[in-house]
Amino acid sequence: MPYDEADETDPMMLVGVELPMDRSASADTARVLAEEFARIGFSEERLIEVFRDPFYAGAHQAYLALGEEAVREIVRTSTVPWKGIVFRDRVRDPETGLHLLNILEPGARREP
């Protein structure tokens, strides 16, 4: 079998399915996605753009099911714990030489 062709008998072949979601499941999906993107530094407005964009199918489906105001509220509450926290990987462990994740608390001194 050529490398680029899918083998329909392969039990490990990825298969995407769409599952029906009610309002509660859509809200849970929106909360999980909003928190995940907030953790990596997306602002509230950038998160709303993600939900509006059909490219992000799961987020967009939740946006269509819940409406903009509900999604805005979810985004607002999901980003609060992450506001002001900056993630950087510029700290090098002197023993191993590996880069470490440096989490700065709000108001902490930032090195250039």
N, C-alpha and C. Protein backbone atom coordinates (compact mmCIF):
# COMPACT_ATOMS: atom_id res chain seq x y z
N MET A 1 0.85 -1.18 0.00
CA MET A 1 0.00 0.00 0.00
C MET A 1 0.89 1.24 0.00
N PRO A 2 0.63 2.19 -0.89
CA PRO A 2 1.39 3.44 -0.90
C PRO A 2 1.25 4.19 0.42
N TYR A 3 2.29 4.95 0.74
CA TYR A 3 2.36 5.66 2.02
C TYR A 3 1.21 6.65 2.22
N ASP A 4 0.83 7.39 1.18
CA ASP A 4 -0.15 8.46 1.32
C ASP A 4 -1.60 8.02 1.22
N GLU A 5 -1.85 6.76 0.92
CA GLU A 5 -3.23 6.29 0.78
C GLU A 5 -3.70 5.66 2.08
N ALA A 6 -4.95 5.94 2.44
CA ALA A 6 -5.52 5.37 3.65
C ALA A 6 -5.94 3.93 3.38
N ASP A 7 -5.74 3.09 4.37
CA ASP A 7 -6.18 1.70 4.28
C ASP A 7 -7.46 1.59 5.09
N GLU A 8 -8.55 1.32 4.44
CA GLU A 8 -9.85 1.28 5.10
C GLU A 8 -9.97 0.16 6.13
N THR A 9 -9.06 -0.81 6.08
CA THR A 9 -9.10 -1.90 7.06
C THR A 9 -8.21 -1.60 8.28
N ASP A 10 -7.51 -0.50 8.25
CA ASP A 10 -6.61 -0.13 9.35
C ASP A 10 -7.42 0.25 10.59
N PRO A 11 -7.30 -0.49 11.69
CA PRO A 11 -8.09 -0.16 12.89
C PRO A 11 -7.63 1.13 13.57
N MET A 12 -6.46 1.63 13.22
CA MET A 12 -5.94 2.86 13.83
C MET A 12 -6.23 4.10 13.00
N MET A 13 -6.94 3.95 11.89
CA MET A 13 -7.25 5.10 11.05
C MET A 13 -8.17 6.05 11.80
N LEU A 14 -7.83 7.33 11.77
CA LEU A 14 -8.64 8.33 12.45
C LEU A 14 -9.95 8.55 11.69
N VAL A 15 -11.03 8.59 12.44
CA VAL A 15 -12.34 8.81 11.86
C VAL A 15 -13.02 9.89 12.69
N GLY A 16 -13.41 10.97 12.03
CA GLY A 16 -14.11 12.04 12.74
C GLY A 16 -15.61 11.83 12.67
N VAL A 17 -16.26 12.08 13.78
CA VAL A 17 -17.72 11.99 13.81
C VAL A 17 -18.27 13.24 14.47
N GLU A 18 -19.47 13.58 14.11
CA GLU A 18 -20.13 14.73 14.71
C GLU A 18 -21.20 14.21 15.66
N LEU A 19 -21.19 14.70 16.87
CA LEU A 19 -22.15 14.28 17.87
C LEU A 19 -23.15 15.40 18.14
N PRO A 20 -24.39 15.06 18.35
CA PRO A 20 -25.37 16.10 18.67
C PRO A 20 -25.08 16.69 20.05
N MET A 21 -25.28 18.00 20.18
CA MET A 21 -25.02 18.67 21.45
C MET A 21 -26.23 19.49 21.85
N ASP A 22 -26.57 19.43 23.11
CA ASP A 22 -27.62 20.31 23.62
C ASP A 22 -26.96 21.59 24.13
N ARG A 23 -27.76 22.49 24.66
CA ARG A 23 -27.24 23.79 25.12
C ARG A 23 -26.19 23.63 26.23
N SER A 24 -26.43 22.69 27.11
CA SER A 24 -25.50 22.46 28.22
C SER A 24 -24.14 21.98 27.71
N ALA A 25 -24.15 21.05 26.76
CA ALA A 25 -22.90 20.55 26.20
C ALA A 25 -22.18 21.64 25.42
N SER A 26 -22.94 22.49 24.73
CA SER A 26 -22.32 23.61 24.01
C SER A 26 -21.66 24.58 24.98
N ALA A 27 -22.30 24.83 26.10
CA ALA A 27 -21.73 25.73 27.11
C ALA A 27 -20.46 25.12 27.71
N ASP A 28 -20.47 23.82 27.97
CA ASP A 28 -19.27 23.15 28.49
C ASP A 28 -18.12 23.23 27.49
N THR A 29 -18.44 23.00 26.21
CA THR A 29 -17.43 23.10 25.16
C THR A 29 -16.85 24.50 25.10
N ALA A 30 -17.71 25.50 25.15
CA ALA A 30 -17.26 26.89 25.10
C ALA A 30 -16.36 27.22 26.28
N ARG A 31 -16.73 26.75 27.48
CA ARG A 31 -15.91 27.01 28.68
C ARG A 31 -14.52 26.37 28.56
N VAL A 32 -14.48 25.13 28.12
CA VAL A 32 -13.20 24.43 27.99
C VAL A 32 -12.31 25.11 26.97
N LEU A 33 -12.88 25.45 25.80
CA LEU A 33 -12.08 26.10 24.76
C LEU A 33 -11.63 27.49 25.19
N ALA A 34 -12.52 28.24 25.82
CA ALA A 34 -12.16 29.59 26.27
C ALA A 34 -11.03 29.55 27.29
N GLU A 35 -11.11 28.62 28.24
CA GLU A 35 -10.05 28.53 29.24
C GLU A 35 -8.73 28.10 28.61
N GLU A 36 -8.79 27.15 27.69
CA GLU A 36 -7.57 26.66 27.04
C GLU A 36 -6.87 27.79 26.28
N PHE A 37 -7.64 28.55 25.49
CA PHE A 37 -7.04 29.66 24.74
C PHE A 37 -6.61 30.80 25.67
N ALA A 38 -7.35 31.02 26.75
CA ALA A 38 -6.95 32.05 27.72
C ALA A 38 -5.63 31.69 28.38
N ARG A 39 -5.42 30.41 28.65
CA ARG A 39 -4.17 29.95 29.26
C ARG A 39 -2.96 30.23 28.40
N ILE A 40 -3.15 30.23 27.08
CA ILE A 40 -2.00 30.49 26.22
C ILE A 40 -1.89 31.96 25.83
N GLY A 41 -2.73 32.80 26.46
CA GLY A 41 -2.55 34.24 26.33
C GLY A 41 -3.51 34.97 25.42
N PHE A 42 -4.57 34.33 24.94
CA PHE A 42 -5.53 35.04 24.10
C PHE A 42 -6.33 36.03 24.94
N SER A 43 -6.54 37.23 24.41
CA SER A 43 -7.36 38.23 25.08
C SER A 43 -8.83 37.89 24.87
N GLU A 44 -9.71 38.59 25.59
CA GLU A 44 -11.15 38.37 25.42
C GLU A 44 -11.58 38.60 23.98
N GLU A 45 -11.13 39.68 23.38
CA GLU A 45 -11.54 39.99 22.01
C GLU A 45 -11.01 38.96 21.02
N ARG A 46 -9.77 38.52 21.23
CA ARG A 46 -9.22 37.50 20.32
C ARG A 46 -9.98 36.18 20.47
N LEU A 47 -10.40 35.87 21.69
CA LEU A 47 -11.20 34.67 21.92
C LEU A 47 -12.55 34.74 21.23
N ILE A 48 -13.19 35.90 21.28
CA ILE A 48 -14.47 36.08 20.59
C ILE A 48 -14.28 35.87 19.09
N GLU A 49 -13.17 36.36 18.55
CA GLU A 49 -12.88 36.15 17.13
C GLU A 49 -12.75 34.65 16.82
N VAL A 50 -12.15 33.89 17.72
CA VAL A 50 -12.02 32.45 17.52
C VAL A 50 -13.41 31.81 17.45
N PHE A 51 -14.29 32.19 18.35
CA PHE A 51 -15.64 31.62 18.35
C PHE A 51 -16.43 32.03 17.11
N ARG A 52 -16.19 33.19 16.59
CA ARG A 52 -16.90 33.64 15.38
C ARG A 52 -16.38 32.97 14.11
N ASP A 53 -15.15 32.48 14.14
CA ASP A 53 -14.49 31.95 12.94
C ASP A 53 -14.90 30.49 12.68
N PRO A 54 -15.53 30.20 11.52
CA PRO A 54 -15.93 28.83 11.21
C PRO A 54 -14.76 27.85 11.12
N PHE A 55 -13.53 28.34 10.94
CA PHE A 55 -12.36 27.46 10.90
C PHE A 55 -12.25 26.67 12.20
N TYR A 56 -12.58 27.28 13.34
CA TYR A 56 -12.56 26.61 14.64
C TYR A 56 -13.94 25.98 14.85
N ALA A 57 -14.13 24.80 14.27
CA ALA A 57 -15.46 24.20 14.16
C ALA A 57 -16.15 24.02 15.51
N GLY A 58 -15.47 23.48 16.49
CA GLY A 58 -16.09 23.25 17.80
C GLY A 58 -16.50 24.54 18.48
N ALA A 59 -15.60 25.51 18.47
CA ALA A 59 -15.90 26.81 19.07
C ALA A 59 -17.03 27.51 18.32
N HIS A 60 -16.98 27.43 17.01
CA HIS A 60 -18.00 28.10 16.20
C HIS A 60 -19.37 27.45 16.38
N GLN A 61 -19.40 26.14 16.50
CA GLN A 61 -20.67 25.45 16.74
C GLN A 61 -21.27 25.89 18.08
N ALA A 62 -20.44 26.02 19.09
CA ALA A 62 -20.91 26.50 20.39
C ALA A 62 -21.42 27.94 20.27
N TYR A 63 -20.72 28.76 19.50
CA TYR A 63 -21.11 30.16 19.27
C TYR A 63 -22.50 30.22 18.62
N LEU A 64 -22.72 29.40 17.61
CA LEU A 64 -24.01 29.40 16.93
C LEU A 64 -25.13 28.89 17.85
N ALA A 65 -24.82 27.91 18.68
CA ALA A 65 -25.84 27.34 19.57
C ALA A 65 -26.20 28.27 20.73
N LEU A 66 -25.19 28.99 21.25
CA LEU A 66 -25.40 29.80 22.46
C LEU A 66 -25.69 31.27 22.17
N GLY A 67 -25.16 31.78 21.08
CA GLY A 67 -25.29 33.20 20.79
C GLY A 67 -24.12 33.98 21.34
N GLU A 68 -23.94 35.18 20.81
CA GLU A 68 -22.76 35.97 21.16
C GLU A 68 -22.74 36.40 22.63
N GLU A 69 -23.85 36.81 23.18
CA GLU A 69 -23.84 37.29 24.57
C GLU A 69 -23.45 36.18 25.55
N ALA A 70 -23.99 34.98 25.35
CA ALA A 70 -23.65 33.86 26.24
C ALA A 70 -22.17 33.52 26.10
N VAL A 71 -21.66 33.52 24.87
CA VAL A 71 -20.24 33.21 24.65
C VAL A 71 -19.37 34.30 25.27
N ARG A 72 -19.77 35.57 25.13
CA ARG A 72 -19.00 36.65 25.75
C ARG A 72 -18.92 36.48 27.27
N GLU A 73 -20.00 36.08 27.88
CA GLU A 73 -20.01 35.87 29.34
C GLU A 73 -19.10 34.71 29.72
N ILE A 74 -19.15 33.64 28.96
CA ILE A 74 -18.27 32.49 29.22
C ILE A 74 -16.81 32.90 29.06
N VAL A 75 -16.50 33.64 28.01
CA VAL A 75 -15.14 34.10 27.76
C VAL A 75 -14.69 35.02 28.90
N ARG A 76 -15.56 35.92 29.31
CA ARG A 76 -15.23 36.86 30.39
C ARG A 76 -14.86 36.10 31.66
N THR A 77 -15.68 35.12 32.04
CA THR A 77 -15.41 34.39 33.29
C THR A 77 -14.23 33.43 33.15
N SER A 78 -13.97 32.94 31.94
CA SER A 78 -12.88 31.99 31.74
C SER A 78 -11.51 32.67 31.71
N THR A 79 -11.47 33.94 31.34
CA THR A 79 -10.18 34.62 31.24
C THR A 79 -9.74 35.29 32.54
N VAL A 80 -10.66 35.49 33.46
CA VAL A 80 -10.32 36.20 34.71
C VAL A 80 -9.14 35.58 35.45
N PRO A 81 -9.10 34.26 35.67
CA PRO A 81 -7.96 33.70 36.42
C PRO A 81 -6.62 33.87 35.72
N TRP A 82 -6.60 34.10 34.42
CA TRP A 82 -5.36 34.15 33.66
C TRP A 82 -4.91 35.55 33.31
N LYS A 83 -5.67 36.56 33.69
CA LYS A 83 -5.29 37.94 33.37
C LYS A 83 -4.03 38.33 34.13
N GLY A 84 -3.10 38.90 33.42
CA GLY A 84 -1.89 39.40 34.04
C GLY A 84 -0.79 38.37 34.24
N ILE A 85 -1.08 37.11 33.98
CA ILE A 85 -0.06 36.08 34.12
C ILE A 85 0.64 35.93 32.77
N VAL A 86 1.94 35.94 32.79
CA VAL A 86 2.73 35.86 31.57
C VAL A 86 3.53 34.57 31.60
N PHE A 87 3.46 33.80 30.53
CA PHE A 87 4.24 32.57 30.42
C PHE A 87 5.44 32.84 29.52
N ARG A 88 6.63 32.48 30.00
CA ARG A 88 7.84 32.66 29.20
C ARG A 88 8.70 31.42 29.33
N ASP A 89 9.53 31.18 28.33
CA ASP A 89 10.42 30.02 28.40
C ASP A 89 11.89 30.44 28.31
N ARG A 90 12.21 31.62 28.81
CA ARG A 90 13.56 32.14 28.69
C ARG A 90 14.47 31.73 29.84
N VAL A 91 13.94 31.07 30.84
CA VAL A 91 14.75 30.69 31.98
C VAL A 91 15.41 29.35 31.68
N ARG A 92 16.72 29.31 31.83
CA ARG A 92 17.47 28.07 31.56
C ARG A 92 17.93 27.48 32.89
N ASP A 93 17.64 26.21 33.09
CA ASP A 93 18.08 25.51 34.29
C ASP A 93 19.60 25.36 34.24
N PRO A 94 20.33 25.91 35.23
CA PRO A 94 21.79 25.86 35.19
C PRO A 94 22.35 24.44 35.26
N GLU A 95 21.63 23.51 35.86
CA GLU A 95 22.14 22.14 35.99
C GLU A 95 21.95 21.32 34.72
N THR A 96 20.77 21.45 34.10
CA THR A 96 20.46 20.61 32.94
C THR A 96 20.62 21.34 31.61
N GLY A 97 20.59 22.67 31.65
CA GLY A 97 20.65 23.45 30.43
C GLY A 97 19.32 23.55 29.70
N LEU A 98 18.27 22.94 30.27
CA LEU A 98 16.96 22.95 29.64
C LEU A 98 16.23 24.27 29.92
N HIS A 99 15.39 24.67 28.98
CA HIS A 99 14.55 25.84 29.20
C HIS A 99 13.38 25.45 30.09
N LEU A 100 13.10 26.27 31.07
CA LEU A 100 12.00 26.02 32.00
C LEU A 100 10.87 27.00 31.73
N LEU A 101 9.66 26.60 32.05
CA LEU A 101 8.52 27.50 31.93
C LEU A 101 8.53 28.43 33.13
N ASN A 102 8.59 29.72 32.86
CA ASN A 102 8.63 30.72 33.90
C ASN A 102 7.28 31.40 33.96
N ILE A 103 6.60 31.31 35.08
CA ILE A 103 5.29 31.93 35.23
C ILE A 103 5.45 33.14 36.14
N LEU A 104 5.10 34.31 35.60
CA LEU A 104 5.21 35.54 36.37
C LEU A 104 3.84 35.92 36.91
N GLU A 105 3.79 36.17 38.18
CA GLU A 105 2.55 36.62 38.82
C GLU A 105 2.27 38.06 38.41
N PRO A 106 1.00 38.49 38.44
CA PRO A 106 0.71 39.89 38.11
C PRO A 106 1.52 40.83 39.00
N GLY A 107 2.14 41.81 38.39
CA GLY A 107 2.92 42.81 39.11
C GLY A 107 4.36 42.38 39.39
N ALA A 108 4.70 41.15 39.00
CA ALA A 108 6.07 40.68 39.24
C ALA A 108 7.03 41.40 38.31
N ARG A 109 8.30 41.52 38.75
CA ARG A 109 9.33 42.17 37.93
C ARG A 109 9.68 41.29 36.75
N ARG A 110 9.69 41.87 35.58
CA ARG A 110 10.00 41.12 34.37
C ARG A 110 11.40 41.46 33.90
N GLU A 111 12.19 40.43 33.61
CA GLU A 111 13.54 40.66 33.10
C GLU A 111 13.44 40.91 31.60
N PRO A 112 14.30 41.78 31.05
CA PRO A 112 14.25 42.05 29.61
C PRO A 112 14.62 40.85 28.77
